[in-house]
Protein backbone atom coordinates (compact mmCIF):
# COMPACT_ATOMS: atom_id res chain seq x y z
CA MET A 1 110.43 31.76 -185.17
CA LYS A 2 107.39 31.90 -182.89
CA ARG A 3 104.59 29.55 -184.01
CA LEU A 4 100.88 29.41 -183.16
CA LEU A 5 98.89 26.24 -183.81
CA LEU A 6 95.20 26.57 -184.67
CA TYR A 7 94.26 23.55 -182.58
CA SER A 8 91.09 21.46 -182.73
CA GLY A 9 92.01 18.44 -180.61
CA GLY A 10 91.70 16.17 -183.67
CA ALA A 11 94.32 13.92 -185.21
CA ASP A 12 95.79 16.41 -187.68
CA SER A 13 96.42 19.28 -185.30
CA THR A 14 97.50 16.91 -182.52
CA LEU A 15 100.24 15.56 -184.78
CA LEU A 16 101.38 19.13 -185.40
CA LEU A 17 101.40 19.83 -181.66
CA TYR A 18 103.77 16.94 -180.95
CA ARG A 19 105.80 17.08 -184.15
CA ASP A 20 106.23 20.82 -184.71
CA LYS A 21 106.15 21.94 -181.06
CA PRO A 22 104.40 25.31 -181.42
CA ASP A 23 104.86 28.02 -178.83
CA ALA A 24 101.12 28.21 -178.17
CA CYS A 25 97.78 26.91 -179.43
CA LEU A 26 94.51 28.64 -180.23
CA PHE A 27 91.11 26.94 -179.94
CA VAL A 28 88.04 28.55 -181.48
CA ARG A 29 84.59 28.09 -179.96
CA TYR A 30 82.22 28.68 -182.84
CA GLY A 31 78.98 27.22 -181.52
CA GLN A 32 79.84 23.58 -182.13
CA LYS A 33 77.31 21.16 -180.61
CA HIS A 34 79.82 19.74 -178.14
CA MET A 35 83.17 20.59 -176.59
CA LYS A 36 84.84 17.17 -176.70
CA GLU A 37 87.50 18.52 -179.08
CA TYR A 38 88.36 21.21 -176.55
CA TRP A 39 88.91 18.72 -173.74
CA PHE A 40 91.24 16.64 -175.91
CA ALA A 41 93.10 19.81 -176.93
CA ARG A 42 93.40 20.82 -173.27
CA LYS A 43 94.73 17.34 -172.35
CA HIS A 44 97.47 17.44 -174.99
CA CYS A 45 98.44 21.04 -174.29
CA ASP A 46 98.76 20.21 -170.60
CA ALA A 47 100.85 17.11 -171.44
CA THR A 48 103.23 19.17 -173.61
CA ASN A 49 103.19 22.26 -171.39
CA THR A 50 101.91 24.33 -174.33
CA PRO A 51 99.71 27.35 -173.57
CA LEU A 52 96.17 26.98 -174.95
CA TYR A 53 94.25 30.16 -175.69
CA GLU A 54 90.58 30.34 -176.60
CA VAL A 55 88.52 32.63 -178.77
CA GLU A 56 84.74 32.47 -178.69
CA ILE A 57 82.70 33.82 -181.55
CA PRO A 58 78.96 33.77 -182.23
CA ARG A 59 77.59 30.46 -183.44
CA LEU A 60 78.40 29.85 -187.08
CA GLN A 61 75.44 28.86 -189.21
CA GLY A 62 74.63 26.50 -192.05
CA SER A 63 76.01 23.21 -190.72
CA SER A 64 74.90 20.22 -188.73
CA LEU A 65 78.01 20.76 -186.57
CA THR A 66 76.41 23.87 -185.09
CA GLY A 67 72.88 22.53 -184.82
CA ASP A 68 71.52 23.63 -188.19
CA SER A 69 70.38 21.30 -190.93
CA GLY A 70 72.77 20.66 -193.76
CA SER A 71 76.12 19.04 -194.13
CA PHE A 72 79.02 18.94 -191.72
CA VAL A 73 80.83 21.60 -193.78
CA VAL A 74 80.67 24.92 -191.92
CA PRO A 75 80.58 27.68 -194.56
CA ALA A 76 83.62 29.99 -194.36
CA ARG A 77 84.85 28.40 -191.12
CA ASN A 78 88.52 28.27 -192.11
CA LEU A 79 88.31 31.77 -193.56
CA LEU A 80 87.10 33.06 -190.19
CA PHE A 81 89.59 30.89 -188.28
CA ALA A 82 92.45 32.20 -190.42
CA ALA A 83 91.43 35.80 -189.71
CA LEU A 84 91.06 35.14 -185.97
CA ALA A 85 94.40 33.33 -185.80
CA ALA A 86 96.09 36.09 -187.83
CA ASN A 87 94.74 38.73 -185.47
CA PHE A 88 95.84 36.80 -182.37
CA ALA A 89 99.22 35.91 -183.86
CA GLU A 90 100.00 39.41 -185.10
CA ALA A 91 98.94 41.01 -181.79
CA ASN A 92 101.04 38.55 -179.77
CA GLY A 93 104.25 38.45 -181.79
CA PHE A 94 103.87 35.13 -183.60
CA ASP A 95 105.52 34.65 -186.99
CA GLU A 96 103.63 31.65 -188.26
CA ILE A 97 100.23 29.97 -187.93
CA LEU A 98 100.21 26.17 -188.23
CA LEU A 99 97.07 24.53 -189.61
CA GLY A 100 96.23 20.84 -189.86
CA CYS A 101 94.58 20.49 -193.27
CA ASN A 102 95.47 17.18 -194.90
CA LYS A 103 95.42 15.61 -198.36
CA ASP A 104 92.09 13.84 -197.76
CA ASP A 105 90.40 17.11 -196.73
CA ARG A 106 90.55 18.35 -200.34
CA LYS A 107 87.63 16.05 -201.22
CA GLY A 108 84.98 17.57 -198.97
CA PHE A 109 86.35 20.83 -197.65
CA PRO A 110 87.03 23.56 -200.23
CA ASP A 111 88.62 25.73 -197.53
CA CYS A 112 91.34 23.15 -196.90
CA CYS A 113 92.80 23.08 -200.42
CA GLY A 114 95.96 24.78 -201.64
CA ASP A 115 94.21 27.47 -203.72
CA PHE A 116 92.27 28.64 -200.68
CA TRP A 117 95.40 28.94 -198.51
CA ILE A 118 97.34 30.68 -201.29
CA ALA A 119 94.55 33.28 -201.40
CA VAL A 120 94.55 33.63 -197.59
CA THR A 121 98.32 34.10 -197.60
CA GLU A 122 98.02 36.78 -200.29
CA ALA A 123 95.31 38.53 -198.27
CA MET A 124 97.57 38.54 -195.20
CA LYS A 125 100.39 40.01 -197.28
CA ALA A 126 98.04 42.64 -198.72
CA ALA A 127 97.02 43.54 -195.17
CA GLN A 128 100.74 43.97 -194.42
CA LEU A 129 100.71 41.37 -191.67
CA LYS A 130 104.01 39.88 -190.61
CA VAL A 131 102.43 36.51 -189.80
CA TYR A 132 101.66 33.87 -192.40
CA PRO A 133 99.94 30.45 -192.46
CA ARG A 134 101.78 27.16 -192.93
CA ILE A 135 99.94 23.95 -193.75
CA PRO A 136 102.56 21.18 -193.38
CA LEU A 137 100.22 18.16 -193.69
CA THR A 138 98.77 18.87 -197.15
CA ASN A 139 100.58 15.89 -198.65
CA PHE A 140 99.67 13.51 -195.80
CA THR A 141 96.59 11.29 -195.91
CA LYS A 142 94.57 10.67 -192.76
CA LYS A 143 96.02 7.15 -192.71
CA GLN A 144 99.57 8.54 -192.71
CA ILE A 145 98.69 11.02 -189.96
CA LEU A 146 97.22 8.29 -187.76
CA ARG A 147 100.30 6.14 -188.37
CA LYS A 148 102.58 9.02 -187.33
CA LEU A 149 100.51 9.54 -184.17
CA ASP A 150 100.82 5.83 -183.36
CA GLU A 151 104.60 6.11 -183.79
CA ILE A 152 104.80 8.86 -181.17
CA GLY A 153 102.47 7.05 -178.77
CA VAL A 154 99.24 8.97 -179.38
CA GLY A 155 96.47 6.49 -180.17
CA ARG A 156 93.16 7.05 -181.91
CA SER A 157 91.40 7.15 -178.56
CA ASP A 158 93.67 10.08 -177.56
CA VAL A 159 92.19 12.42 -180.20
CA TRP A 160 88.63 13.46 -180.94
CA SER A 161 87.50 13.79 -184.55
CA CYS A 162 83.86 12.70 -184.22
CA TYR A 163 81.18 15.25 -185.09
CA GLU A 164 78.99 14.00 -182.25
CA GLY A 165 79.77 14.57 -178.59
CA GLY A 166 78.83 11.31 -176.90
CA GLU A 167 80.84 9.30 -174.41
CA THR A 168 82.47 7.48 -177.31
CA THR A 169 82.76 8.29 -180.98
CA CYS A 170 79.57 7.60 -182.94
CA GLY A 171 81.22 5.51 -185.66
CA LYS A 172 78.70 6.89 -188.20
CA CYS A 173 79.64 10.46 -189.06
CA ALA A 174 82.01 11.37 -191.91
CA ALA A 175 84.91 12.02 -189.52
CA CYS A 176 84.52 8.65 -187.82
CA HIS A 177 84.15 6.89 -191.14
CA GLN A 178 87.36 8.50 -192.39
CA GLN A 179 89.30 7.71 -189.23
CA HIS A 180 88.07 4.13 -188.84
CA GLN A 181 88.56 3.09 -192.45
CA GLN A 182 92.23 3.92 -192.19
């Protein structure tokens, strides 16, 4: 089984990198305001000797993460990411795409819930793709994920989940609030 990890450099996908040991990772540049996540992803891929591939797409719209007004939710981001990962995986002989959606994501991200991924899986089947998505952290809370990272020696300062790109995490955005309240 050849596995591709859709990798952001954040806590969830970093746990999957170390725990599930994918054959390669894919990072998507979608016009995010900073590239801190990329540098953390690069660091962990180098440490695990895991190839890191990149795809760059035009800037996604409708979110403060890409410089627009609005919330931090990027409309259709995971739908686009799933399609990009499926294309890359299918073209390069991967069997499975690992994604780091967690139990807490259900609250604010409709494209992280089970119904969404069931529909994506069905679309991949309808397109007669051999690859399929797997979301192994859907029953894990952020607190559990951070605890698992601590157990394997990856601390909170070794991942980047902040929506801002400063020298240190901002401590104010939704991602920081979620990570620091754990």
